[in-house]
Structures are given as structure tokens and as C-alpha cells.
Amino acid sequence: MSTDTQDAESLSNEEQDELLQEVERSRSHQGLSAAFVALIGITFSAFQMWIAARSYQFSATLPGIGTVEIASLQPLQVYTIHVTFALVLAFLLFPASTGDGFVARRLGAIVPAVSDRFGPDSPVTRAVERLRDGVRWAAIDPSLRRITPLDACLAVISLVPAYYVVTSYDEIQRLATFGIQSGVPLGEAVQPLGPLAAVLTMILPLQGQSGAFLLGALGILLVLEATRRTLGVVLMSLIASFIVYARWGYFIPSDSAIGALAIQPDTWASIVYDLWYTTEAGIMSTPVSVSVRFIYIFILFGAFLEMSGAGKWFIDLAYSMTGTRKGGPAKASVVSSGFMGMLSGSSIANTVTTGAFTIPLMKRSGYSPEFSGAVEASASSGGQVLPPVMGAAAFLIVEFTGTAYSDVIMAATLPAIAFFFGMWVMVHFEAVRGGIGGLARGELPDGLAKFRAGWFYLIPLVLLIYFLVIARLSINRAGWYTIIAITALIAVVAAYDERSRVPLLGSIAAITLAHTAAFATYGVGLVSAVQVLLGLGSAADPYALGAAAGAATADLGSIAIAVSTVFLFARPQANAPLLELDDSIDESARRSAASLGRPSLADNAGYRFGTFVLKSMDSGARTATTVVIAVAAAGVVPGVISVSGLGPNLAALIDAVSGGSILILLALTGVAAIIFGMGMPTTAMYIILVAMLGSPMEDLGVWVVAAHLFVLYFGLMADVTPPVAVAAFAGAGVAKADELKTATAAFLLSLNKILVPFAFVFSPGILLARNVNGQWGLIGWSDVTELRFFLPEVVVPILGMFLGVYALGVTIIGYQYSSVGAGTRTLYAIASILLMVPEVPLLVLEGALALAGVSVGLTGLSATLLLRVLGLAILVSLSHRNYTRLSGTDLESATPNPSEA
């Protein structure tokens, strides 16, 4: 990027990779293993791109032959292949152990103990040492550089359950009627394993077990092991405990304190069938379905957009717009990190990659290392609530709630803006408090020149919104078209220069016109029309001119890619002045060109374009691996709740614990979301919490979308909440700062994620929602014109939310126009609560009166409006008094900033 970040504090690409490895504990392959893993990742992405474009029908059109069908897969088969790709990559990317875990340390103590007991030269000691060395060679990878034999073995074994599902679908259908034990033996179920199956049957007690049961159990165990590697022991243990509960939960006495958790007896055969072979419950259920249809393609979209250089361009643009202001680098970080976090869906990865640019500039401008890392971590995690992409969350909410995508992003917009407004306010107050200015204009890129150089990066985002909101295409198809648009843009940019621009753009336009004419004349595209003219195909009904133009426009991206590729091959040494891909693309191009013995290829625009496509597909697959494993594992929880009949009992238990109080239920949900979310992907936390707590929240009158957003906001708090705070620790690593201080500062900067969700649950007008005759929906123009509703229910809560966020910023930083003392900060906090969530103190008062035997409802509109007015009066009074203290002697802060808390 053009901003100067190359100081002693900045991180190189290698250091970024090492930090990500340390946080995510993933491997960095070299040589042939890197190429092999990349090939699998690219194949995974190609499989998903085909599904996005053609659904589950795999066929090819051959000239003179026609369409040849390769395969037509059922949803269960597609889901299983999807999960299997993730399993294989998980075993190749994440080690079984690095040798520094609890179990490894205990096992490592065996050799010294044996040596002390029998002596270092004893045959027993030497045998134990050889055994230790063998185990280390087979399973342990402390350097995070090699694929161990155990990893390779598990990756191959992962293919076996998928092979059975793909090749024996007819038998799987019969299992629903005759039971899983009616399946054929293992050797017949997977014929290539016939001899091995016979040996296993002799060694292990597998007699009488069907292959379907054994392979289903194997698949579940592989998912658990992949979960342990990618997401940690905590989530794996939680999922395993639900499986164990499904088998033995009937032992819970129905008359005990937790008797509501008692379930009916079940068998392992039934549990394995429900968890592995059905799409209604378990691993292959709704979460994986959403991953196949929505999540993966948008992770891939984010990878393509990031690798295209859009991330660098947007960061530069943000700095050019805000860099010279007070605290400009931090404000630019809030904007750019929120944008990139929205696309990546990974708080950790975005904190490291974006933070490598933003954090050094924040430190250089005067922010402390802890505060700089905290700003980046908080903004990066907050990006997952920012429409229109919202990481993977928006698509899960769409699927689980049955709400239209456009409604979800409309509802999520104002709370997200309020969160980032609060971040902006806090970094501004910290800048004023510390006398932190902006960067010199000479250190920043020219905003207008930067916009002109990369304005085309906005086209994919505009198209995405158009496809989803206006054209109302399916989410999958919209993602596919947008990826084509990004690829086409980069292809054109790679082929574009002063010499080629006229013939390049002219050729694209001419072929598009010819394509339109082919549809209007023969009812088929240009290639098929040529086949018709040659007698190799048949015409169809001609399109109307408008329809023909629309059909040709839909193929414009493919035409641009094809024409640009021809130009790239025709002019391999041409310069591409507009091509500014992500640094990792250039690095990969150099490495791969060097490995081919032709280092000059790295400067070839066509080679760089090919590297961009393949690197984006590989990067998307690596990012998606953790998400796919997370949703596959998390699907067990709603699966067990569904098939065991636990749902109603669990809802009754939660209602009993909360006493029917919406405030207590929300507090319990928030605490549970933070605890479950610690060290766990947001998607997994969201699926588990919504399965357990979503229904009770709806029963108390909360709009289903508000309930799901509430869980999402609190789950994201886990990324910056000590003692885990994975995103904050990553930010500390980039900033080279104290981890606990950075995490504490990030937690304080993210407190908006606690008050904002309470605000929109109690005041759904913030989400632009209204309940009419028991039916929830977004407000329309008729609601806007109904001022008796719109002003008190929508306008006032929205203004209260933004003013409350402002007051909370003063509370956290301890500075407004001048320093704010501890007692005054308390008053600002009270004003913030009264403005944002006046229902909370009213509900607390209701509960206190109820304990005293007085039953009264206090949360009516008049009472909440009165408290909001009181909160506004407090804020105005405090702000005026603070402003009048603004003098030369009062500019010094009296309180520490969050990084020193």
C-alpha cells in the first residue's frame, strides 16, 4: 500500500503468517506439501463454485455431442462431500499436537521417570525412548511445518464415509425404513476396503455391525477430532457431551432439580443415523446446508476481493480521508477494519492482516501500543455485524429465522452504525485527551488519485447489493455472479494499458453485442449459435430484444474474462499499470515462478492474474475450513435437542431459571454467549446458543431477528473479553504490547456490543421493525407517516441509542472537552443507560417491588420516554459543565485511558 508503514514496529508478511500460526495453531507448508494442500483447497473452492453456478447437477457440454451428465447428487451427498473436504484440510492444516499440551507434557514425563527407575542405559529405558521418538514422528509437529503420518492417515480415512454416502445412497434411503443395522457389512459397503475390513473384523468386535453404522460412527469421531484440532478441546468436549447425553440422558431422575433434562432412552444405532445420515438434524443439517449454499461462496467472495487489492485500496482511501484529523490513523482503522472484518468473517485474521498496516500508524501518531491493538481488535470483531455481508452471520440468520436477506441487513444496519460511531467517538476523545494529531498530508496517499485508481473495487459490492436486494437473486447465485464480476474486473485491469484499452474494451463490447444478436436470432448464446450455423446444434425460440440484452449482460463477466485472457496471452510482457494485487499474490507469484525455474514469470501480468485466481480459491478454502468444521460440529447440539425431544423441556427449564423475566433471560443469554464464544468461532457459538435460548426469547415476545442479533453481538464480545480474547491477543502481538492490557482496553472499547443489543431488543424500532397483530415485519412508508408510532417508537429510541453510545464513550475514555473525574464518569454511564435502555432500571425496580409483594408494570412508553428525557438532561448538563472547564489548566487528563486500566 502507499501509506508508509515500514518502520521498526511494522510486521512483514512472514511475521504476520507466524503470528496467525501462533494464534490459530495452523501449519505453514513448504514445497510439495504446500502445493498438495493448495490443490485440495482449490478443488474445494471449484466444487463450491460449481454448486453456486449449476446447483447439484454435474454435467459438461461437448461440441457435437451435447450435454453429458456426470453426476446428479442429492443434498446429503453434497453436504457430506463439503464436510469431507473440510476434514481433509483440517487434518493437513492443523496438527494433532505440537508437543506442548497438557497430555503431551504428561506423556513426556514418562521417559525421565523410567530412566530414573531403571537407569539411562537400561533396555527398558531405550525401548521407551524409541517408542517416544516413534510417537513424535508419527503424530507430533512442534514446528508447524510437516504433515505427520497420523495426519495423512486421518485425511485418507476421512474419504471413506463420504465414499459410502456417494456410492450407496439407495441403501442409505432404505436405512430410514429398516434401521441402520440393516445395512450391508463394512467390506461390501466400501468394496475397496474389503480385505482391510476382514482383518478389522477379526481384530475388533465388529461382528454383526453394519457398514453404515461403523462408517457413520467413524464420521462423527472424525468431526470431533477435527473440531479439537481447529477449535480446541472445549468445543469438542461440549459436542461430545451432547452425544453422550443423547445416549444416557434418560438416567437423569425426572423428579430431580434438573429433571426437565431427562429424555427417552435411545440406542447408538439411532443416534448415529440421526447425526450422520439425515439432513433434518445432526451434522449434515441446517448449519452445513447454510455453509454449502451461502457461507462458503461469500467467504470465497471475501477472499477474491481481498486478494484483488481492494483491502489495500480501502485502507489507503480511509487514511487519505481521515489521516490528517485528530486521531486520524485510529479513525481510519475503525473504518477500514470494520469493512474488511465484514468480508473476512474472522476477527483474528482481520486483526493481524489489517492491523499490520493500521497499528504502526496509530502508534506513530501517539496512541499507546495497547490502545492501538485494542482499536484494531475491537473494530475487526465488530465488522461481523456490519451489513451487507456480516461475515457468515447474515446467512445463518436468514436460514434459521426464515427472514428475507434484505430484511436482515436492513434491521442490522443502524445498530452496526451505532457501534462504529461509538468506536469513532472513543478514539477521538482519546486523541483529544492525549493531544494526538493526525499524520502529515505528505505521508498519506492522495485521496482523489487513490479513488480514481481503484474506484472499480466498489463495483462488486454495488453488484452484490443489487443482486440481493433489487434483483432478488438467491444468495448463492448472487455470490457466484459477484465472484465472476471481481475476476472479470481483475482480468480487464491486468490486460489494460494505453495500447490495449481500445481493442480490449471494443472486443468485449463487440462480442457482447454479437451475443445479444445470437439470443435475439437463434435463442441461444454466441457459441451455440456458431454451432447452429455449422450444423452441429439446433436453434431455440428467439428472445425479445430486451430479454436478449439481459441474457447477454448476464454473461458479460465471462466474456470479459475470456477476452482479457486472450489479450494476456497475446501480450505476455505487457505492463499492467492499474494492477495492484494484494502483496501475498506477488509473493506467491515469485515463489511459484522460481520453483518452475522461470522467475521472470512473476512480472508477467497474465501469470499474476492466474496466481490471483488460484490464490484466492486456496485462501477461501483455508478460511472456510474452520467455519465448516465449526458448523458441522455445532449442528450436533440442535440435532440432539430436536431428536431427543429435549426442546420443550429445555425451554421450560430456562423459563423457570429466569422466572419469566426478559431481563434475566437476556442477561443469562449474554453471559452464556460470551462464555461459549471464548476461543470459539462466532458461527459455532451462534448455532449452539440460538438452539438453546432462541425459542425462550421468542416466547417472551422478542422478534426472532432481534433475538438472533442479540446472541451474535454478545458472542463477538468473546473475541475481546479476557482471559481468552483471541482477537485482542492477536492485536497485542501486532502492536508488540502487553496482552492483558490490550484485551482490557479492547473489552472497554467494545462495551457498545453489550448495551446496543439490549437497546434493540427492548426497542425494536431501532431495527426498523414493528409488531402488528402478532406479526413482526419491517416498517413501511405507512408506518413512517403514522407519527404517533414513528416518533416515539422509532425516532426517539434511535436518537437515544446514538446519544447513549456517545455518553458511554465519555465514560470509558474519561474525557470529553476536558478531563472527566471518576464520579462524573458514573453520571455519564447513568445517562447512557437511561438514553439507550431505560427499560433496564424500570425492570429492576419492578423486580424489587415484586419481591416486596407489589406487582406493577413500569415499562410503558410514557415511563421510558421520561427516563430518556432525564438521561438527555443529565448528558447535556454534564457536557455543558465539562465544556466550561475547558481551559489551559484543565486540558491535562485526570484519569487513565483504557489501555492503562
Foldseek 3Di string as FASTA:
>chain_A
DQFDLPDPQFDDPVRLVVLCCVLQVWADEDDPLVVVLLVLLLVLLVLLLCCLVPNQWDWDQDFLPGIDTDDRDDLLLLLLVNLLSLLLSLLSTFALEQQPDPVSVVLVVPLVVVCVVQNCPDPVSVVSVVVVVVCCQAGHHNPSYDRHVVSVVLSVLSVQLSVLCGPPVVVLVCCVPVNQLPAAAQCVSRVVCNVVSVVCVVVDVCPSGHNSLVSLVVNVVSLLSSCCRRQNDVLSVVLVVLLVCLAPLLPPCLPDPLNLSHFDHDDSRVSSCLQRVDQPFHLNHDLSVLCSQFQLLLLLLLLLLQQQCVLVLLLQLQCQVQQQFQLSLLLSLLVSLLQSLLRNLDLASSLSPVVSRRLSQSVVLPDALLLSLLSNSLSSLLSLLADDRSNSQLSSLCRVVVDASVLLNLLSHLLSVLLSLLSNLQSNQLSLLRVGGGDDSVSGDNNVVSCVLPVLSCVLVVQLCCVCPPVNDRNSNSSSLSSLSSLLVLLCLLLDDPVCPVVLVVQLVVQLVQQLVCQQPFVHGDVQSVCVVVVSHHGDDHDDSVVSNVVSVSCSSVSSNVSSLVSLVVCFQDARVSRDGDPVLLVVLQVVCVVVVHNVSSRGSNSSSVSSVSVSSSVSSVSCSQVSSLSSSLSNQLNSCVVRVSQVSLLVSLCVVQVVDLVSLLVVLLVQLLVVLASGRLNNSLSNSCSRRQVNNVVSPFDSSLSSLLSSLSNSLNCLAPPRNSSQQSSCSSSVHDSVLSSQQSSLSSCSSVLSSLLCRLQVLSSQWDADPNDIDHDDPVQVVPCVCCVLRHVQLSVLSSQLSSLSSCLQFQGDLFGHDPVLSVLSNQLSCLSRPVVVVQSVVQVVVVVVVDHDHQPDSVNSVVSNVVSVVSVVVSVVVRNVPNDPVGSNYDDDHSSVD
